[in-house]
Amino acid sequence: MNGSSAAGFSSNRILNILSDQDFASIRPSLEEVEMPQGFIMARAERPIDYVYFPSSGFGSVMVVAENGRRAEAGMFGREGFTPLAAGVGDDRSIYEIVMQAHGGGHRVPIRTFSNAVVARPSFAAVLARFTHVFAAQVAYTALSNATDHVDRRLARWILMSHDRIDGDVIRITHDYIALMLAVRRPGVTTSLHVLEGLHLIKSERGAITVRDRSGLEDYAGKSYGRPEQEYERIVARSTSELHLATG
């Protein structure tokens, strides 16, 4: 049975592909939670209290430098869970994990989660698959940061955000985008004007509207898409396939 006990419980894709038995191992401790913009799920170099399964909105995994500067390493939403460290048995996060766009979801105490990972190899396998895909996203972010102009990096970031919301309006400020891309705010503003001039987006105070999704993908080119394809290939597989893979 392919995650039938989780059907209708949440729109989080990880929860929805769990087997009945895997879902039951954490279900009694799952707590519904609202996560407004700026909600911190984990602090850098601090113990992890909860593991989160978003059902709406999206967040960032942030690297924090000694001087306090931050840069986005990766993005997540209803396709995954966070913090990833919990999926490999750790109870501390080296990253700051924060919501970028208001959303909601469920969370489970770290102890319950860790016990389920140890007791349920098939559950651990699902988590490992998502961890692999997230690592691919981080790698492609590094490649894009090293080789792409800010315009293309911004197009990629907008597409990734658009993947994780309902509708076409991304409610985010220019200052926050600059923080995510680790560039100066004027550079973000200029790049938004470029994309808007091509009629790919509409930029307003505190919001970006995607007008031409396919055109935005063409503009982003190879900087976008490969980790997303890997997710569908590896994570979005049936529970029966996961059982075959893990024995």
C-alpha atoms as a PDB file:
ATOM      1  CA  MET A   1       0.000   0.000   0.000  1.00  0.00           C
ATOM      2  CA  ASN A   2       1.491   3.344  -1.046  1.00  0.00           C
ATOM      3  CA  GLY A   3       1.247   5.697   1.925  1.00  0.00           C
ATOM      4  CA  SER A   4      -2.538   5.360   2.212  1.00  0.00           C
ATOM      5  CA  SER A   5      -2.534   6.195   5.922  1.00  0.00           C
ATOM      6  CA  ALA A   6      -1.031   9.596   5.091  1.00  0.00           C
ATOM      7  CA  ALA A   7      -3.399  10.314   2.204  1.00  0.00           C
ATOM      8  CA  GLY A   8      -5.260  13.529   2.914  1.00  0.00           C
ATOM      9  CA  PHE A   9      -3.261  14.118   6.103  1.00  0.00           C
ATOM     10  CA  SER A  10      -0.798  16.516   4.508  1.00  0.00           C
ATOM     11  CA  SER A  11       0.359  17.738   1.107  1.00  0.00           C
ATOM     12  CA  ASN A  12       3.944  17.058   2.106  1.00  0.00           C
ATOM     13  CA  ARG A  13       5.288  14.613  -0.468  1.00  0.00           C
ATOM     14  CA  ILE A  14       7.613  12.774   1.904  1.00  0.00           C
ATOM     15  CA  LEU A  15       4.778  11.963   4.281  1.00  0.00           C
ATOM     16  CA  ASN A  16       2.598  10.892   1.384  1.00  0.00           C
ATOM     17  CA  ILE A  17       5.029   8.300   0.009  1.00  0.00           C
ATOM     18  CA  LEU A  18       5.621   6.609   3.360  1.00  0.00           C
ATOM     19  CA  SER A  19       4.243   3.146   3.894  1.00  0.00           C
ATOM     20  CA  ASP A  20       1.457   2.716   6.437  1.00  0.00           C
ATOM     21  CA  GLN A  21       3.945   1.266   8.915  1.00  0.00           C
ATOM     22  CA  ASP A  22       6.520   4.030   8.453  1.00  0.00           C
ATOM     23  CA  PHE A  23       3.888   6.738   8.761  1.00  0.00           C
ATOM     24  CA  ALA A  24       2.464   5.088  11.886  1.00  0.00           C
ATOM     25  CA  SER A  25       5.900   5.264  13.541  1.00  0.00           C
ATOM     26  CA  ILE A  26       5.711   9.074  13.696  1.00  0.00           C
ATOM     27  CA  ARG A  27       1.991   9.804  13.304  1.00  0.00           C
ATOM     28  CA  PRO A  28       1.103  10.036  17.061  1.00  0.00           C
ATOM     29  CA  SER A  29       3.773  12.706  17.591  1.00  0.00           C
ATOM     30  CA  LEU A  30       3.114  14.820  14.494  1.00  0.00           C
ATOM     31  CA  GLU A  31       2.012  18.313  15.459  1.00  0.00           C
ATOM     32  CA  GLU A  32       0.438  20.769  13.039  1.00  0.00           C
ATOM     33  CA  VAL A  33       2.298  24.077  12.996  1.00  0.00           C
ATOM     34  CA  GLU A  34       2.020  27.434  11.274  1.00  0.00           C
ATOM     35  CA  MET A  35       5.287  28.793   9.919  1.00  0.00           C
ATOM     36  CA  PRO A  36       5.237  32.523   9.072  1.00  0.00           C
ATOM     37  CA  GLN A  37       7.958  34.215   7.063  1.00  0.00           C
ATOM     38  CA  GLY A  38      11.055  34.391   9.231  1.00  0.00           C
ATOM     39  CA  PHE A  39      10.086  31.360  11.336  1.00  0.00           C
ATOM     40  CA  ILE A  40      13.292  29.633  12.430  1.00  0.00           C
ATOM     41  CA  MET A  41      13.250  25.830  12.311  1.00  0.00           C
ATOM     42  CA  ALA A  42      16.840  25.388  13.439  1.00  0.00           C
ATOM     43  CA  ARG A  43      19.673  27.644  14.524  1.00  0.00           C
ATOM     44  CA  ALA A  44      23.261  27.230  13.441  1.00  0.00           C
ATOM     45  CA  GLU A  45      25.408  25.184  15.815  1.00  0.00           C
ATOM     46  CA  ARG A  46      22.466  24.488  18.100  1.00  0.00           C
ATOM     47  CA  PRO A  47      20.562  21.300  19.028  1.00  0.00           C
ATOM     48  CA  ILE A  48      17.647  20.269  16.823  1.00  0.00           C
ATOM     49  CA  ASP A  49      14.327  20.230  18.649  1.00  0.00           C
ATOM     50  CA  TYR A  50      11.927  19.253  15.850  1.00  0.00           C
ATOM     51  CA  VAL A  51      11.933  17.863  12.330  1.00  0.00           C
ATOM     52  CA  TYR A  52       9.565  19.693   9.975  1.00  0.00           C
ATOM     53  CA  PHE A  53       7.477  18.484   7.044  1.00  0.00           C
ATOM     54  CA  PRO A  54       6.164  21.608   5.260  1.00  0.00           C
ATOM     55  CA  SER A  55       2.879  21.422   3.395  1.00  0.00           C
ATOM     56  CA  SER A  56       2.946  25.001   2.092  1.00  0.00           C
ATOM     57  CA  GLY A  57       5.370  27.876   1.866  1.00  0.00           C
ATOM     58  CA  PHE A  58       9.098  27.379   1.438  1.00  0.00           C
ATOM     59  CA  GLY A  59      12.271  27.914   3.401  1.00  0.00           C
ATOM     60  CA  SER A  60      16.019  28.207   3.106  1.00  0.00           C
ATOM     61  CA  VAL A  61      19.006  26.418   4.520  1.00  0.00           C
ATOM     62  CA  MET A  62      21.404  29.238   5.360  1.00  0.00           C
ATOM     63  CA  VAL A  63      25.159  29.158   5.881  1.00  0.00           C
ATOM     64  CA  VAL A  64      26.151  31.632   8.584  1.00  0.00           C
ATOM     65  CA  ALA A  65      29.641  33.153   8.554  1.00  0.00           C
ATOM     66  CA  GLU A  66      31.542  34.174  11.674  1.00  0.00           C
ATOM     67  CA  ASN A  67      30.777  37.827  10.948  1.00  0.00           C
ATOM     68  CA  GLY A  68      27.054  37.037  10.820  1.00  0.00           C
ATOM     69  CA  ARG A  69      26.648  37.247   7.049  1.00  0.00           C
ATOM     70  CA  ARG A  70      24.313  34.671   5.561  1.00  0.00           C
ATOM     71  CA  ALA A  71      23.922  32.969   2.201  1.00  0.00           C
ATOM     72  CA  GLU A  72      21.384  30.442   0.982  1.00  0.00           C
ATOM     73  CA  ALA A  73      22.769  26.959   0.411  1.00  0.00           C
ATOM     74  CA  GLY A  74      19.473  25.357  -0.588  1.00  0.00           C
ATOM     75  CA  MET A  75      15.709  25.691  -0.702  1.00  0.00           C
ATOM     76  CA  PHE A  76      12.967  23.309   0.445  1.00  0.00           C
ATOM     77  CA  GLY A  77       9.193  23.124   0.633  1.00  0.00           C
ATOM     78  CA  ARG A  78       6.462  20.518   0.577  1.00  0.00           C
ATOM     79  CA  GLU A  79       8.688  18.144  -1.363  1.00  0.00           C
ATOM     80  CA  GLY A  80      10.914  17.447   1.619  1.00  0.00           C
ATOM     81  CA  PHE A  81      11.787  17.678   5.302  1.00  0.00           C
ATOM     82  CA  THR A  82      14.235  19.629   7.434  1.00  0.00           C
ATOM     83  CA  PRO A  83      16.756  19.634   9.114  1.00  0.00           C
ATOM     84  CA  LEU A  84      18.488  16.988   7.016  1.00  0.00           C
ATOM     85  CA  ALA A  85      21.009  16.275   9.777  1.00  0.00           C
ATOM     86  CA  ALA A  86      18.260  14.464  11.676  1.00  0.00           C
ATOM     87  CA  GLY A  87      17.877  12.013   8.809  1.00  0.00           C
ATOM     88  CA  VAL A  88      21.419  10.751   9.328  1.00  0.00           C
ATOM     89  CA  GLY A  89      21.119  10.449  13.094  1.00  0.00           C
ATOM     90  CA  ASP A  90      22.498  13.818  14.173  1.00  0.00           C
ATOM     91  CA  ASP A  91      20.778  16.076  16.695  1.00  0.00           C
ATOM     92  CA  ARG A  92      22.555  19.348  15.850  1.00  0.00           C
ATOM     93  CA  SER A  93      22.321  21.671  12.880  1.00  0.00           C
ATOM     94  CA  ILE A  94      25.312  23.516  11.449  1.00  0.00           C
ATOM     95  CA  TYR A  95      22.904  25.661   9.393  1.00  0.00           C
ATOM     96  CA  GLU A  96      20.239  28.229  10.136  1.00  0.00           C
ATOM     97  CA  ILE A  97      16.960  27.045   8.643  1.00  0.00           C
ATOM     98  CA  VAL A  98      14.292  29.691   8.140  1.00  0.00           C
ATOM     99  CA  MET A  99      11.007  30.126   6.299  1.00  0.00           C
ATOM    100  CA  GLN A 100      11.143  32.467   3.308  1.00  0.00           C
ATOM    101  CA  ALA A 101       7.428  32.449   2.510  1.00  0.00           C
ATOM    102  CA  HIS A 102       4.580  31.929   4.969  1.00  0.00           C
ATOM    103  CA  GLY A 103       3.320  28.379   5.167  1.00  0.00           C
ATOM    104  CA  GLY A 104       2.358  25.512   7.383  1.00  0.00           C
ATOM    105  CA  GLY A 105       3.011  21.866   7.942  1.00  0.00           C
ATOM    106  CA  HIS A 106       3.767  19.340  10.648  1.00  0.00           C
ATOM    107  CA  ARG A 107       6.659  18.742  12.985  1.00  0.00           C
ATOM    108  CA  VAL A 108       7.792  15.821  15.108  1.00  0.00           C
ATOM    109  CA  PRO A 109      10.133  15.865  18.139  1.00  0.00           C
ATOM    110  CA  ILE A 110      13.698  14.912  17.267  1.00  0.00           C
ATOM    111  CA  ARG A 111      13.709  11.921  19.639  1.00  0.00           C
ATOM    112  CA  THR A 112      10.621  10.357  18.066  1.00  0.00           C
ATOM    113  CA  PHE A 113      11.995  11.005  14.608  1.00  0.00           C
ATOM    114  CA  SER A 114      15.411   9.517  15.418  1.00  0.00           C
ATOM    115  CA  ASN A 115      13.839   6.398  16.923  1.00  0.00           C
ATOM    116  CA  ALA A 116      11.777   5.900  13.763  1.00  0.00           C
ATOM    117  CA  VAL A 117      14.851   6.279  11.549  1.00  0.00           C
ATOM    118  CA  VAL A 118      16.634   3.541  13.508  1.00  0.00           C
ATOM    119  CA  ALA A 119      13.633   1.216  13.727  1.00  0.00           C
ATOM    120  CA  ARG A 120      12.341   1.620  10.138  1.00  0.00           C
ATOM    121  CA  PRO A 121      14.998   1.127   7.399  1.00  0.00           C
ATOM    122  CA  SER A 122      12.417   1.894   4.703  1.00  0.00           C
ATOM    123  CA  PHE A 123      11.696   5.240   6.387  1.00  0.00           C
ATOM    124  CA  ALA A 124      15.422   5.974   6.520  1.00  0.00           C
ATOM    125  CA  ALA A 125      15.671   5.100   2.816  1.00  0.00           C
ATOM    126  CA  VAL A 126      13.057   7.703   1.856  1.00  0.00           C
ATOM    127  CA  LEU A 127      14.910  10.345   3.876  1.00  0.00           C
ATOM    128  CA  ALA A 128      18.254   9.364   2.327  1.00  0.00           C
ATOM    129  CA  ARG A 129      16.831   9.770  -1.168  1.00  0.00           C
ATOM    130  CA  PHE A 130      15.667  13.291  -0.430  1.00  0.00           C
ATOM    131  CA  THR A 131      19.009  14.111   1.201  1.00  0.00           C
ATOM    132  CA  HIS A 132      20.763  13.007  -2.000  1.00  0.00           C
ATOM    133  CA  VAL A 133      18.536  15.237  -4.122  1.00  0.00           C
ATOM    134  CA  PHE A 134      19.029  18.205  -1.808  1.00  0.00           C
ATOM    135  CA  ALA A 135      22.797  17.738  -2.100  1.00  0.00           C
ATOM    136  CA  ALA A 136      22.385  17.870  -5.876  1.00  0.00           C
ATOM    137  CA  GLN A 137      20.474  21.136  -5.541  1.00  0.00           C
ATOM    138  CA  VAL A 138      23.275  22.601  -3.403  1.00  0.00           C
ATOM    139  CA  ALA A 139      25.859  21.498  -5.967  1.00  0.00           C
ATOM    140  CA  TYR A 140      23.969  23.129  -8.820  1.00  0.00           C
ATOM    141  CA  THR A 141      23.559  26.286  -6.752  1.00  0.00           C
ATOM    142  CA  ALA A 142      27.329  26.406  -6.314  1.00  0.00           C
ATOM    143  CA  LEU A 143      27.794  25.906 -10.065  1.00  0.00           C
ATOM    144  CA  SER A 144      25.276  28.624 -10.893  1.00  0.00           C
ATOM    145  CA  ASN A 145      26.875  31.036  -8.410  1.00  0.00           C
ATOM    146  CA  ALA A 146      30.279  30.425 -10.004  1.00  0.00           C
ATOM    147  CA  THR A 147      29.308  30.556 -13.675  1.00  0.00           C
ATOM    148  CA  ASP A 148      26.025  32.440 -14.154  1.00  0.00           C
ATOM    149  CA  HIS A 149      25.238  36.131 -14.301  1.00  0.00           C
ATOM    150  CA  VAL A 150      22.946  37.438 -11.563  1.00  0.00           C
ATOM    151  CA  ASP A 151      20.053  37.634 -14.063  1.00  0.00           C
ATOM    152  CA  ARG A 152      20.164  33.879 -14.679  1.00  0.00           C
ATOM    153  CA  ARG A 153      20.720  33.073 -11.015  1.00  0.00           C
ATOM    154  CA  LEU A 154      17.649  35.134 -10.187  1.00  0.00           C
ATOM    155  CA  ALA A 155      15.595  33.379 -12.871  1.00  0.00           C
ATOM    156  CA  ARG A 156      16.594  30.024 -11.381  1.00  0.00           C
ATOM    157  CA  TRP A 157      15.717  31.194  -7.867  1.00  0.00           C
ATOM    158  CA  ILE A 158      12.288  32.435  -8.987  1.00  0.00           C
ATOM    159  CA  LEU A 159      11.578  29.115 -10.706  1.00  0.00           C
ATOM    160  CA  MET A 160      12.554  27.149  -7.612  1.00  0.00           C
ATOM    161  CA  SER A 161      10.331  29.371  -5.472  1.00  0.00           C
ATOM    162  CA  HIS A 162       7.468  29.045  -7.970  1.00  0.00           C
ATOM    163  CA  ASP A 163       7.761  25.246  -7.751  1.00  0.00           C
ATOM    164  CA  ARG A 164       6.931  25.415  -4.056  1.00  0.00           C
ATOM    165  CA  ILE A 165       3.915  27.709  -3.980  1.00  0.00           C
ATOM    166  CA  ASP A 166       0.309  27.630  -5.146  1.00  0.00           C
ATOM    167  CA  GLY A 167      -0.385  30.290  -7.755  1.00  0.00           C
ATOM    168  CA  ASP A 168       2.048  32.654  -9.434  1.00  0.00           C
ATOM    169  CA  VAL A 169       2.735  35.326  -6.805  1.00  0.00           C
ATOM    170  CA  ILE A 170       5.899  35.001  -4.719  1.00  0.00           C
ATOM    171  CA  ARG A 171       5.709  37.368  -1.760  1.00  0.00           C
ATOM    172  CA  ILE A 172       9.286  38.357  -1.085  1.00  0.00           C
ATOM    173  CA  THR A 173      11.241  41.604  -0.778  1.00  0.00           C
ATOM    174  CA  HIS A 174      14.218  42.706  -2.863  1.00  0.00           C
ATOM    175  CA  ASP A 175      16.315  42.817   0.299  1.00  0.00           C
ATOM    176  CA  TYR A 176      15.493  39.201   1.099  1.00  0.00           C
ATOM    177  CA  ILE A 177      16.302  38.042  -2.436  1.00  0.00           C
ATOM    178  CA  ALA A 178      19.639  39.836  -2.190  1.00  0.00           C
ATOM    179  CA  LEU A 179      20.322  37.933   1.026  1.00  0.00           C
ATOM    180  CA  MET A 180      19.398  34.622  -0.600  1.00  0.00           C
ATOM    181  CA  LEU A 181      21.608  35.211  -3.634  1.00  0.00           C
ATOM    182  CA  ALA A 182      24.428  36.827  -1.626  1.00  0.00           C
ATOM    183  CA  VAL A 183      24.473  39.880  -3.891  1.00  0.00           C
ATOM    184  CA  ARG A 184      23.855  43.581  -3.320  1.00  0.00           C
ATOM    185  CA  ARG A 185      20.290  44.838  -3.459  1.00  0.00           C
ATOM    186  CA  PRO A 186      20.895  47.123  -6.504  1.00  0.00           C
ATOM    187  CA  GLY A 187      22.004  44.052  -8.456  1.00  0.00           C
ATOM    188  CA  VAL A 188      18.746  42.295  -7.632  1.00  0.00           C
ATOM    189  CA  THR A 189      16.722  45.335  -8.645  1.00  0.00           C
ATOM    190  CA  THR A 190      18.557  45.572 -11.982  1.00  0.00           C
ATOM    191  CA  SER A 191      18.072  41.867 -12.681  1.00  0.00           C
ATOM    192  CA  LEU A 192      14.381  42.068 -11.827  1.00  0.00           C
ATOM    193  CA  HIS A 193      14.055  44.901 -14.349  1.00  0.00           C
ATOM    194  CA  VAL A 194      15.734  42.713 -16.984  1.00  0.00           C
ATOM    195  CA  LEU A 195      13.312  39.830 -16.412  1.00  0.00           C
ATOM    196  CA  GLU A 196      10.376  42.203 -16.271  1.00  0.00           C
ATOM    197  CA  GLY A 197      11.459  43.860 -19.513  1.00  0.00           C
ATOM    198  CA  LEU A 198      11.333  40.443 -21.176  1.00  0.00           C
ATOM    199  CA  HIS A 199       7.761  40.019 -19.828  1.00  0.00           C
ATOM    200  CA  LEU A 200       8.796  36.948 -17.820  1.00  0.00           C
ATOM    201  CA  ILE A 201       7.764  38.385 -14.463  1.00  0.00           C
ATOM    202  CA  LYS A 202       6.031  41.350 -12.885  1.00  0.00           C
ATOM    203  CA  SER A 203       7.924  42.914 -10.003  1.00  0.00           C
ATOM    204  CA  GLU A 204       6.099  44.904  -7.344  1.00  0.00           C
ATOM    205  CA  ARG A 205       6.919  46.017  -3.831  1.00  0.00           C
ATOM    206  CA  GLY A 206       7.115  42.846  -1.765  1.00  0.00           C
ATOM    207  CA  ALA A 207       5.979  40.503  -4.550  1.00  0.00           C
ATOM    208  CA  ILE A 208       7.055  38.879  -7.811  1.00  0.00           C
ATOM    209  CA  THR A 209       4.461  37.487 -10.222  1.00  0.00           C
ATOM    210  CA  VAL A 210       5.518  34.816 -12.695  1.00  0.00           C
ATOM    211  CA  ARG A 211       4.015  35.759 -16.072  1.00  0.00           C
ATOM    212  CA  ASP A 212       5.780  33.370 -18.463  1.00  0.00           C
ATOM    213  CA  ARG A 213       6.956  30.167 -16.791  1.00  0.00           C
ATOM    214  CA  SER A 214       8.282  28.505 -19.958  1.00  0.00           C
ATOM    215  CA  GLY A 215      10.091  31.697 -20.982  1.00  0.00           C
ATOM    216  CA  LEU A 216      11.672  31.896 -17.542  1.00  0.00           C
ATOM    217  CA  GLU A 217      12.871  28.305 -17.890  1.00  0.00           C
ATOM    218  CA  ASP A 218      14.395  29.110 -21.276  1.00  0.00           C
ATOM    219  CA  TYR A 219      16.157  32.113 -19.782  1.00  0.00           C
ATOM    220  CA  ALA A 220      17.501  30.106 -16.829  1.00  0.00           C
ATOM    221  CA  GLY A 221      18.814  27.458 -19.211  1.00  0.00           C
ATOM    222  CA  LYS A 222      20.762  24.565 -17.757  1.00  0.00           C
ATOM    223  CA  SER A 223      21.097  26.308 -14.386  1.00  0.00           C
ATOM    224  CA  TYR A 224      17.608  25.017 -13.543  1.00  0.00           C
ATOM    225  CA  GLY A 225      16.017  21.601 -13.818  1.00  0.00           C
ATOM    226  CA  ARG A 226      18.543  18.859 -13.159  1.00  0.00           C
ATOM    227  CA  PRO A 227      17.970  18.479  -9.385  1.00  0.00           C
ATOM    228  CA  GLU A 228      14.216  18.700 -10.008  1.00  0.00           C
ATOM    229  CA  GLN A 229      14.466  15.823 -12.484  1.00  0.00           C
ATOM    230  CA  GLU A 230      16.520  13.872  -9.958  1.00  0.00           C
ATOM    231  CA  TYR A 231      13.793  14.319  -7.359  1.00  0.00           C
ATOM    232  CA  GLU A 232      11.173  12.796  -9.632  1.00  0.00           C
ATOM    233  CA  ARG A 233      13.521   9.967 -10.592  1.00  0.00           C
ATOM    234  CA  ILE A 234      14.688   9.042  -7.108  1.00  0.00           C
ATOM    235  CA  VAL A 235      12.320  10.334  -4.430  1.00  0.00           C
ATOM    236  CA  ALA A 236       8.941  10.185  -6.123  1.00  0.00           C
ATOM    237  CA  ARG A 237       8.976   6.416  -6.403  1.00  0.00           C
ATOM    238  CA  SER A 238       6.412   4.050  -5.018  1.00  0.00           C
ATOM    239  CA  THR A 239       6.825   2.582  -1.565  1.00  0.00           C
ATOM    240  CA  SER A 240       6.942  -0.882  -3.081  1.00  0.00           C
ATOM    241  CA  GLU A 241      10.052   0.100  -5.051  1.00  0.00           C
ATOM    242  CA  LEU A 242      11.641   1.423  -1.864  1.00  0.00           C
ATOM    243  CA  HIS A 243      10.923  -1.867  -0.092  1.00  0.00           C
ATOM    244  CA  LEU A 244      12.541  -3.786  -2.948  1.00  0.00           C
ATOM    245  CA  ALA A 245      15.593  -1.527  -2.756  1.00  0.00           C
ATOM    246  CA  THR A 246      15.986  -1.904   1.015  1.00  0.00           C
ATOM    247  CA  GLY A 247      14.896  -5.519   1.358  1.00  0.00           C
END
